[in-house]
Every structure is written in structure tokens, then in C-alpha cells.
Amino acid sequence: MALNDITITGNLVYDPEFSGGNGKKSRAKFRIASTPRHRDPDGTWVDGDTTFLDVVCFASLAENVVQSLGRGSPVIVNGRLQTRTVERAVESEGRPTGETRKVTYTTIVAASVGPDLTRVAIQIRTDKGAGAVRQEEAALAEVADVMERDAQVA
């Protein structure tokens, strides 16, 4: 495990945005909100400060996220932190002041994303890939051939 690995739970702030296709790598991005909660001495639940983090995922993970999750979904995200710093123009009353300031963006590059089962129950559905379907069809054809030959021998 690297030093910049992170696992966080939260809720999707908006539906995942998908991009890719036509020869480009599939990509999905979304934002999660994570709000810690604790009980006061009187037993009342109190919300802490909310942390918002952007998440990006690629390939089949991106496709599955877009198909499976939506705004408000409780999730667990595991991945690595990635930061980038950019210079932004400072504005006053909607006009550039000529000054700049550094802004740092932090993103999680997801290795895995899943539902938070402490807060929701789900039923898992798996889709067979094209390769698995072809192998299954070939195996069934082979069984049918063997059964046909055995029936002719008897």
C-alpha cells in the first residue's frame, strides 16, 4: 500500500459523468460528500464538517459505476490521491485584477468503488463478457456432440 492510498465512504453529489468511446478510454467522474457523525452526551446525532472529493475511474470500472450508481448513492471508494496545483486569475467584482493565486485540486483515482452495505442492501448481478459466452456456447456444443455420438453407439 502506497502512502497516498485512501478509502473513504460518502454519498454521490451528482450522477457520474461518462466520457470515452470511439477508441478513447472509458472514464467516469463524480464527487462524493463525506460527513462524519457523532452522538452528543444526550444521545442526539450531530453532523461534522462535510468533505467533498472528486473521484475519477477508468475502463470497466467507469462503465460499471455509470450503470450502477446515481446521485445520493452511498459508496465506498478506494484509490490513490492525486493533487495538481494551477495558477488562477484573481477576480474582483467579476473582473480580473491582474493577480494570480495558486489553487490545489485533490482527486481520488479509483481502484475500486462499491455500495456502502452498512447503509443499503443490494442484489448483485453479473454480466457475462463476450468471451465467457463464447466459451459457454462451445462447451454446450461439445456436450451435444458427445451425447449424439453416444446415442448412435448404443
N, C-alpha and C. Protein backbone atom coordinates (compact mmCIF):
# COMPACT_ATOMS: atom_id res chain seq x y z
N MET A 1 0.83 -1.17 0.00
CA MET A 1 0.00 0.00 0.00
C MET A 1 0.88 1.24 0.00
N ALA A 2 0.62 2.15 -0.90
CA ALA A 2 1.39 3.38 -1.00
C ALA A 2 0.90 4.40 0.01
N LEU A 3 1.69 5.41 0.25
CA LEU A 3 1.32 6.44 1.22
C LEU A 3 0.13 7.27 0.78
N ASN A 4 -0.13 7.34 -0.49
CA ASN A 4 -1.23 8.18 -0.94
C ASN A 4 -2.50 7.38 -1.23
N ASP A 5 -2.62 6.15 -0.72
CA ASP A 5 -3.86 5.38 -0.86
C ASP A 5 -4.89 5.90 0.12
N ILE A 6 -6.15 5.86 -0.29
CA ILE A 6 -7.23 6.35 0.56
C ILE A 6 -8.46 5.48 0.37
N THR A 7 -9.19 5.28 1.45
CA THR A 7 -10.51 4.66 1.39
C THR A 7 -11.45 5.59 2.12
N ILE A 8 -12.56 5.92 1.47
CA ILE A 8 -13.50 6.88 2.05
C ILE A 8 -14.92 6.45 1.74
N THR A 9 -15.82 6.75 2.67
CA THR A 9 -17.24 6.49 2.44
C THR A 9 -17.96 7.83 2.30
N GLY A 10 -19.03 7.81 1.55
CA GLY A 10 -19.81 9.04 1.38
C GLY A 10 -20.96 8.80 0.42
N ASN A 11 -21.56 9.88 -0.02
CA ASN A 11 -22.67 9.83 -0.96
C ASN A 11 -22.30 10.59 -2.22
N LEU A 12 -22.78 10.08 -3.37
CA LEU A 12 -22.56 10.80 -4.63
C LEU A 12 -23.33 12.12 -4.61
N VAL A 13 -22.65 13.19 -4.98
CA VAL A 13 -23.25 14.52 -5.01
C VAL A 13 -24.08 14.69 -6.28
N TYR A 14 -23.64 14.08 -7.38
CA TYR A 14 -24.37 14.13 -8.65
C TYR A 14 -24.15 12.83 -9.40
N ASP A 15 -24.95 12.58 -10.42
CA ASP A 15 -24.80 11.37 -11.23
C ASP A 15 -23.41 11.34 -11.85
N PRO A 16 -22.79 10.15 -11.96
CA PRO A 16 -21.48 10.07 -12.61
C PRO A 16 -21.53 10.58 -14.04
N GLU A 17 -20.49 11.29 -14.45
CA GLU A 17 -20.38 11.80 -15.81
C GLU A 17 -19.45 10.89 -16.59
N PHE A 18 -19.93 10.36 -17.70
CA PHE A 18 -19.18 9.40 -18.51
C PHE A 18 -18.61 10.07 -19.74
N SER A 19 -17.38 9.71 -20.08
CA SER A 19 -16.79 10.14 -21.34
C SER A 19 -15.96 8.99 -21.88
N GLY A 20 -15.70 9.02 -23.17
CA GLY A 20 -14.93 7.95 -23.80
C GLY A 20 -15.70 7.36 -24.96
N GLY A 21 -15.28 6.19 -25.37
CA GLY A 21 -15.86 5.56 -26.54
C GLY A 21 -15.15 6.03 -27.79
N ASN A 22 -15.50 5.46 -28.92
CA ASN A 22 -14.87 5.79 -30.20
C ASN A 22 -13.34 5.73 -30.13
N GLY A 23 -12.84 4.68 -29.50
CA GLY A 23 -11.40 4.49 -29.42
C GLY A 23 -10.75 5.15 -28.21
N LYS A 24 -11.49 5.96 -27.46
CA LYS A 24 -10.94 6.60 -26.27
C LYS A 24 -11.23 5.73 -25.05
N LYS A 25 -10.35 5.80 -24.05
CA LYS A 25 -10.54 5.04 -22.82
C LYS A 25 -11.78 5.55 -22.09
N SER A 26 -12.61 4.61 -21.62
CA SER A 26 -13.79 4.98 -20.86
C SER A 26 -13.38 5.66 -19.55
N ARG A 27 -14.12 6.71 -19.20
CA ARG A 27 -13.79 7.49 -18.00
C ARG A 27 -15.09 7.96 -17.36
N ALA A 28 -15.15 7.85 -16.05
CA ALA A 28 -16.30 8.39 -15.31
C ALA A 28 -15.76 9.23 -14.18
N LYS A 29 -16.45 10.34 -13.92
CA LYS A 29 -16.05 11.16 -12.78
C LYS A 29 -17.29 11.55 -12.00
N PHE A 30 -17.10 11.68 -10.69
CA PHE A 30 -18.18 12.07 -9.81
C PHE A 30 -17.58 12.68 -8.55
N ARG A 31 -18.42 13.26 -7.74
CA ARG A 31 -17.98 13.86 -6.48
C ARG A 31 -18.72 13.17 -5.35
N ILE A 32 -17.99 12.90 -4.26
CA ILE A 32 -18.65 12.35 -3.08
C ILE A 32 -18.56 13.35 -1.94
N ALA A 33 -19.57 13.30 -1.09
CA ALA A 33 -19.61 14.11 0.12
C ALA A 33 -19.53 13.14 1.30
N SER A 34 -18.60 13.39 2.19
CA SER A 34 -18.43 12.55 3.37
C SER A 34 -18.59 13.41 4.62
N THR A 35 -19.58 13.07 5.43
CA THR A 35 -19.87 13.84 6.63
C THR A 35 -19.77 12.94 7.86
N PRO A 36 -18.78 13.17 8.71
CA PRO A 36 -18.69 12.35 9.92
C PRO A 36 -19.84 12.70 10.88
N ARG A 37 -20.31 11.71 11.62
CA ARG A 37 -21.37 11.93 12.59
C ARG A 37 -20.94 11.37 13.94
N HIS A 38 -21.39 12.01 14.99
CA HIS A 38 -21.14 11.51 16.34
C HIS A 38 -22.34 11.82 17.23
N ARG A 39 -22.41 11.14 18.36
CA ARG A 39 -23.51 11.37 19.30
C ARG A 39 -23.07 12.32 20.39
N ASP A 40 -23.94 13.27 20.69
CA ASP A 40 -23.73 14.15 21.84
C ASP A 40 -23.99 13.35 23.12
N PRO A 41 -23.55 13.88 24.25
CA PRO A 41 -23.82 13.16 25.52
C PRO A 41 -25.32 12.88 25.75
N ASP A 42 -26.19 13.71 25.19
CA ASP A 42 -27.62 13.47 25.37
C ASP A 42 -28.18 12.45 24.37
N GLY A 43 -27.33 11.89 23.49
CA GLY A 43 -27.74 10.86 22.54
C GLY A 43 -28.16 11.37 21.19
N THR A 44 -28.13 12.68 20.97
CA THR A 44 -28.51 13.27 19.69
C THR A 44 -27.37 13.13 18.69
N TRP A 45 -27.70 12.74 17.45
CA TRP A 45 -26.69 12.67 16.39
C TRP A 45 -26.35 14.08 15.92
N VAL A 46 -25.05 14.34 15.74
CA VAL A 46 -24.58 15.64 15.27
C VAL A 46 -23.68 15.43 14.05
N ASP A 47 -23.94 16.18 12.98
CA ASP A 47 -23.11 16.10 11.78
C ASP A 47 -21.87 16.97 11.95
N GLY A 48 -20.72 16.43 11.48
CA GLY A 48 -19.49 17.21 11.46
C GLY A 48 -19.37 17.97 10.15
N ASP A 49 -18.18 18.47 9.87
CA ASP A 49 -17.93 19.20 8.63
C ASP A 49 -17.87 18.22 7.46
N THR A 50 -18.50 18.60 6.36
CA THR A 50 -18.54 17.75 5.17
C THR A 50 -17.29 17.97 4.32
N THR A 51 -16.70 16.86 3.87
CA THR A 51 -15.57 16.89 2.95
C THR A 51 -16.07 16.46 1.58
N PHE A 52 -15.73 17.24 0.56
CA PHE A 52 -16.10 16.91 -0.81
C PHE A 52 -14.83 16.49 -1.55
N LEU A 53 -14.89 15.34 -2.24
CA LEU A 53 -13.76 14.87 -3.01
C LEU A 53 -14.22 14.45 -4.40
N ASP A 54 -13.43 14.82 -5.41
CA ASP A 54 -13.69 14.38 -6.78
C ASP A 54 -13.07 13.00 -6.97
N VAL A 55 -13.76 12.17 -7.73
CA VAL A 55 -13.31 10.80 -8.00
C VAL A 55 -13.32 10.59 -9.50
N VAL A 56 -12.29 9.94 -10.01
CA VAL A 56 -12.25 9.58 -11.43
C VAL A 56 -11.92 8.09 -11.52
N CYS A 57 -12.57 7.40 -12.46
CA CYS A 57 -12.26 5.99 -12.68
C CYS A 57 -12.28 5.70 -14.17
N PHE A 58 -11.61 4.62 -14.55
CA PHE A 58 -11.39 4.32 -15.95
C PHE A 58 -11.84 2.90 -16.30
N ALA A 59 -11.92 2.66 -17.60
CA ALA A 59 -12.17 1.34 -18.20
C ALA A 59 -13.48 0.74 -17.69
N SER A 60 -13.47 -0.56 -17.38
CA SER A 60 -14.72 -1.23 -16.99
C SER A 60 -15.27 -0.69 -15.67
N LEU A 61 -14.39 -0.23 -14.78
CA LEU A 61 -14.88 0.37 -13.53
C LEU A 61 -15.74 1.58 -13.84
N ALA A 62 -15.30 2.41 -14.77
CA ALA A 62 -16.08 3.60 -15.16
C ALA A 62 -17.43 3.19 -15.72
N GLU A 63 -17.45 2.20 -16.59
CA GLU A 63 -18.70 1.75 -17.19
C GLU A 63 -19.66 1.20 -16.14
N ASN A 64 -19.13 0.42 -15.19
CA ASN A 64 -19.98 -0.16 -14.15
C ASN A 64 -20.50 0.91 -13.19
N VAL A 65 -19.68 1.90 -12.87
CA VAL A 65 -20.11 2.99 -11.99
C VAL A 65 -21.28 3.73 -12.62
N VAL A 66 -21.17 4.05 -13.92
CA VAL A 66 -22.22 4.79 -14.60
C VAL A 66 -23.52 3.98 -14.64
N GLN A 67 -23.41 2.67 -14.83
CA GLN A 67 -24.59 1.81 -14.89
C GLN A 67 -25.22 1.57 -13.52
N SER A 68 -24.41 1.63 -12.45
CA SER A 68 -24.87 1.17 -11.14
C SER A 68 -25.19 2.26 -10.14
N LEU A 69 -24.59 3.43 -10.26
CA LEU A 69 -24.71 4.43 -9.21
C LEU A 69 -25.34 5.71 -9.72
N GLY A 70 -25.95 6.44 -8.81
CA GLY A 70 -26.55 7.73 -9.15
C GLY A 70 -26.45 8.67 -7.96
N ARG A 71 -26.94 9.86 -8.17
CA ARG A 71 -26.92 10.88 -7.13
C ARG A 71 -27.51 10.34 -5.83
N GLY A 72 -26.78 10.55 -4.73
CA GLY A 72 -27.24 10.11 -3.42
C GLY A 72 -26.80 8.71 -3.04
N SER A 73 -26.26 7.93 -3.99
CA SER A 73 -25.85 6.56 -3.68
C SER A 73 -24.77 6.54 -2.60
N PRO A 74 -24.94 5.72 -1.55
CA PRO A 74 -23.88 5.59 -0.54
C PRO A 74 -22.79 4.65 -1.07
N VAL A 75 -21.55 5.12 -1.07
CA VAL A 75 -20.45 4.35 -1.67
C VAL A 75 -19.23 4.29 -0.76
N ILE A 76 -18.39 3.32 -1.07
CA ILE A 76 -17.05 3.21 -0.51
C ILE A 76 -16.11 3.31 -1.71
N VAL A 77 -15.15 4.21 -1.65
CA VAL A 77 -14.20 4.41 -2.74
C VAL A 77 -12.80 4.15 -2.22
N ASN A 78 -12.05 3.35 -2.97
CA ASN A 78 -10.65 3.11 -2.65
C ASN A 78 -9.82 3.50 -3.86
N GLY A 79 -8.73 4.19 -3.62
CA GLY A 79 -7.87 4.59 -4.72
C GLY A 79 -6.66 5.36 -4.22
N ARG A 80 -6.05 6.10 -5.12
CA ARG A 80 -4.88 6.89 -4.72
C ARG A 80 -5.18 8.37 -4.90
N LEU A 81 -4.63 9.15 -3.99
CA LEU A 81 -4.80 10.58 -4.07
C LEU A 81 -3.91 11.17 -5.14
N GLN A 82 -4.44 12.09 -5.89
CA GLN A 82 -3.67 12.79 -6.90
C GLN A 82 -3.96 14.28 -6.73
N THR A 83 -2.91 15.08 -6.63
CA THR A 83 -3.12 16.52 -6.49
C THR A 83 -2.46 17.24 -7.66
N ARG A 84 -3.05 18.37 -8.01
CA ARG A 84 -2.45 19.23 -9.02
C ARG A 84 -2.68 20.67 -8.59
N THR A 85 -1.69 21.50 -8.84
CA THR A 85 -1.77 22.91 -8.49
C THR A 85 -1.73 23.73 -9.76
N VAL A 86 -2.64 24.70 -9.85
CA VAL A 86 -2.71 25.57 -11.03
C VAL A 86 -2.76 27.02 -10.57
N GLU A 87 -2.37 27.90 -11.46
CA GLU A 87 -2.47 29.35 -11.21
C GLU A 87 -3.82 29.83 -11.72
N ARG A 88 -4.55 30.52 -10.89
CA ARG A 88 -5.85 31.07 -11.26
C ARG A 88 -5.81 32.58 -11.15
N ALA A 89 -6.47 33.25 -12.09
CA ALA A 89 -6.56 34.71 -12.04
C ALA A 89 -7.49 35.11 -10.89
N VAL A 90 -7.08 36.11 -10.15
CA VAL A 90 -7.91 36.64 -9.07
C VAL A 90 -8.86 37.67 -9.67
N GLU A 91 -10.14 37.56 -9.30
CA GLU A 91 -11.14 38.48 -9.81
C GLU A 91 -11.73 39.29 -8.66
N SER A 92 -12.11 40.49 -8.98
CA SER A 92 -12.82 41.34 -8.04
C SER A 92 -14.00 41.94 -8.77
N GLU A 93 -15.19 41.70 -8.24
CA GLU A 93 -16.43 42.17 -8.87
C GLU A 93 -16.54 41.66 -10.31
N GLY A 94 -16.10 40.43 -10.54
CA GLY A 94 -16.21 39.82 -11.85
C GLY A 94 -15.16 40.22 -12.85
N ARG A 95 -14.19 41.02 -12.44
CA ARG A 95 -13.13 41.47 -13.36
C ARG A 95 -11.77 41.00 -12.87
N PRO A 96 -10.89 40.60 -13.80
CA PRO A 96 -9.54 40.19 -13.40
C PRO A 96 -8.78 41.36 -12.76
N THR A 97 -8.03 41.04 -11.71
CA THR A 97 -7.25 42.07 -11.02
C THR A 97 -5.80 42.11 -11.51
N GLY A 98 -5.43 41.15 -12.32
CA GLY A 98 -4.04 41.06 -12.77
C GLY A 98 -3.20 40.19 -11.84
N GLU A 99 -3.75 39.83 -10.70
CA GLU A 99 -3.05 38.96 -9.76
C GLU A 99 -3.45 37.51 -10.00
N THR A 100 -2.61 36.61 -9.55
CA THR A 100 -2.93 35.18 -9.62
C THR A 100 -2.74 34.57 -8.24
N ARG A 101 -3.37 33.43 -8.07
CA ARG A 101 -3.17 32.67 -6.84
C ARG A 101 -3.13 31.20 -7.19
N LYS A 102 -2.44 30.44 -6.37
CA LYS A 102 -2.35 29.00 -6.60
C LYS A 102 -3.56 28.31 -6.01
N VAL A 103 -4.13 27.39 -6.78
CA VAL A 103 -5.25 26.59 -6.33
C VAL A 103 -4.85 25.13 -6.46
N THR A 104 -5.08 24.34 -5.41
CA THR A 104 -4.74 22.93 -5.43
C THR A 104 -6.01 22.10 -5.49
N TYR A 105 -6.06 21.18 -6.46
CA TYR A 105 -7.19 20.27 -6.62
C TYR A 105 -6.74 18.88 -6.19
N THR A 106 -7.58 18.21 -5.43
CA THR A 106 -7.29 16.86 -4.98
C THR A 106 -8.36 15.93 -5.55
N THR A 107 -7.91 14.85 -6.17
CA THR A 107 -8.80 13.88 -6.80
C THR A 107 -8.41 12.48 -6.35
N ILE A 108 -9.39 11.61 -6.22
CA ILE A 108 -9.11 10.19 -5.99
C ILE A 108 -9.18 9.48 -7.33
N VAL A 109 -8.10 8.81 -7.72
CA VAL A 109 -8.11 7.94 -8.90
C VAL A 109 -8.50 6.56 -8.38
N ALA A 110 -9.75 6.18 -8.63
CA ALA A 110 -10.33 5.00 -8.00
C ALA A 110 -9.77 3.69 -8.55
N ALA A 111 -9.47 2.79 -7.63
CA ALA A 111 -9.12 1.42 -7.98
C ALA A 111 -10.36 0.54 -7.84
N SER A 112 -11.24 0.92 -6.88
CA SER A 112 -12.50 0.20 -6.70
C SER A 112 -13.55 1.13 -6.11
N VAL A 113 -14.79 0.87 -6.48
CA VAL A 113 -15.94 1.63 -6.00
C VAL A 113 -17.04 0.62 -5.73
N GLY A 114 -17.70 0.76 -4.60
CA GLY A 114 -18.79 -0.16 -4.31
C GLY A 114 -19.83 0.47 -3.42
N PRO A 115 -20.98 -0.18 -3.30
CA PRO A 115 -22.02 0.34 -2.43
C PRO A 115 -21.61 0.17 -0.97
N ASP A 116 -22.02 1.10 -0.12
CA ASP A 116 -21.76 1.02 1.31
C ASP A 116 -22.86 0.18 1.93
N LEU A 117 -22.58 -1.09 2.19
CA LEU A 117 -23.60 -2.03 2.65
C LEU A 117 -24.00 -1.82 4.10
N THR A 118 -23.38 -0.87 4.80
CA THR A 118 -23.87 -0.53 6.14
C THR A 118 -25.12 0.33 6.02
N ARG A 119 -25.36 0.87 4.84
CA ARG A 119 -26.48 1.80 4.67
C ARG A 119 -27.47 1.39 3.60
N VAL A 120 -27.19 0.34 2.85
CA VAL A 120 -28.09 -0.08 1.78
C VAL A 120 -27.87 -1.57 1.51
N ALA A 121 -28.95 -2.27 1.14
CA ALA A 121 -28.85 -3.68 0.74
C ALA A 121 -29.00 -3.73 -0.78
N ILE A 122 -28.23 -4.59 -1.41
CA ILE A 122 -28.29 -4.70 -2.86
C ILE A 122 -28.35 -6.16 -3.27
N GLN A 123 -28.66 -6.39 -4.52
CA GLN A 123 -28.58 -7.71 -5.11
C GLN A 123 -27.58 -7.61 -6.25
N ILE A 124 -26.57 -8.46 -6.21
CA ILE A 124 -25.50 -8.41 -7.21
C ILE A 124 -25.94 -9.16 -8.46
N ARG A 125 -25.70 -8.53 -9.59
CA ARG A 125 -25.99 -9.10 -10.90
C ARG A 125 -24.68 -9.05 -11.68
N THR A 126 -24.30 -10.17 -12.24
CA THR A 126 -23.09 -10.17 -13.05
C THR A 126 -23.45 -10.38 -14.51
N ASP A 127 -22.80 -9.66 -15.36
CA ASP A 127 -22.99 -9.82 -16.80
C ASP A 127 -21.82 -10.60 -17.34
N LYS A 128 -22.12 -11.56 -18.17
CA LYS A 128 -21.06 -12.34 -18.79
C LYS A 128 -20.47 -11.55 -19.94
N GLY A 129 -19.15 -11.57 -20.02
CA GLY A 129 -18.48 -10.94 -21.14
C GLY A 129 -18.63 -11.80 -22.39
N ALA A 130 -18.30 -11.23 -23.53
CA ALA A 130 -18.44 -11.94 -24.81
C ALA A 130 -17.59 -13.21 -24.83
N GLY A 131 -16.39 -13.15 -24.24
CA GLY A 131 -15.51 -14.31 -24.22
C GLY A 131 -16.11 -15.45 -23.42
N ALA A 132 -16.72 -15.14 -22.28
CA ALA A 132 -17.34 -16.16 -21.45
C ALA A 132 -18.53 -16.79 -22.16
N VAL A 133 -19.30 -15.99 -22.86
CA VAL A 133 -20.45 -16.50 -23.61
C VAL A 133 -19.98 -17.46 -24.70
N ARG A 134 -18.92 -17.09 -25.43
CA ARG A 134 -18.39 -17.96 -26.50
C ARG A 134 -17.89 -19.29 -25.92
N GLN A 135 -17.19 -19.24 -24.79
CA GLN A 135 -16.68 -20.46 -24.17
C GLN A 135 -17.83 -21.36 -23.72
N GLU A 136 -18.86 -20.73 -23.15
CA GLU A 136 -20.02 -21.49 -22.70
C GLU A 136 -20.72 -22.15 -23.89
N GLU A 137 -20.89 -21.43 -24.99
CA GLU A 137 -21.54 -21.99 -26.19
C GLU A 137 -20.72 -23.13 -26.77
N ALA A 138 -19.40 -22.97 -26.79
CA ALA A 138 -18.53 -24.04 -27.31
C ALA A 138 -18.63 -25.28 -26.43
N ALA A 139 -18.66 -25.11 -25.12
CA ALA A 139 -18.78 -26.25 -24.22
C ALA A 139 -20.11 -26.97 -24.40
N LEU A 140 -21.19 -26.20 -24.55
CA LEU A 140 -22.50 -26.81 -24.77
C LEU A 140 -22.55 -27.56 -26.10
N ALA A 141 -21.93 -27.01 -27.14
CA ALA A 141 -21.88 -27.69 -28.44
C ALA A 141 -21.09 -28.99 -28.33
N GLU A 142 -20.00 -28.97 -27.58
CA GLU A 142 -19.19 -30.18 -27.40
C GLU A 142 -19.98 -31.26 -26.66
N VAL A 143 -20.71 -30.86 -25.63
CA VAL A 143 -21.54 -31.82 -24.88
C VAL A 143 -22.60 -32.41 -25.79
N ALA A 144 -23.24 -31.58 -26.61
CA ALA A 144 -24.27 -32.06 -27.53
C ALA A 144 -23.69 -33.07 -28.52
N ASP A 145 -22.46 -32.80 -29.03
CA ASP A 145 -21.81 -33.74 -29.95
C ASP A 145 -21.54 -35.07 -29.27
N VAL A 146 -21.04 -35.04 -28.05
CA VAL A 146 -20.72 -36.27 -27.31
C VAL A 146 -22.00 -37.07 -27.07
N MET A 147 -23.05 -36.38 -26.67
CA MET A 147 -24.32 -37.08 -26.41
C MET A 147 -24.87 -37.69 -27.68
N GLU A 148 -24.73 -37.01 -28.80
CA GLU A 148 -25.24 -37.53 -30.08
C GLU A 148 -24.43 -38.77 -30.49
N ARG A 149 -23.10 -38.73 -30.33
CA ARG A 149 -22.27 -39.88 -30.68
C ARG A 149 -22.57 -41.06 -29.78
N ASP A 150 -22.73 -40.81 -28.49
CA ASP A 150 -23.04 -41.90 -27.56
C ASP A 150 -24.39 -42.52 -27.86
N ALA A 151 -25.36 -41.72 -28.29
CA ALA A 151 -26.69 -42.24 -28.63
C ALA A 151 -26.62 -43.11 -29.87
N GLN A 152 -25.71 -42.80 -30.80
CA GLN A 152 -25.58 -43.59 -32.03
C GLN A 152 -24.88 -44.91 -31.73
N VAL A 153 -23.97 -44.94 -30.75
CA VAL A 153 -23.24 -46.14 -30.41
C VAL A 153 -24.18 -47.14 -29.72
N ALA A 154 -25.07 -46.66 -28.87
CA ALA A 154 -25.95 -47.54 -28.11
C ALA A 154 -26.96 -48.10 -29.03
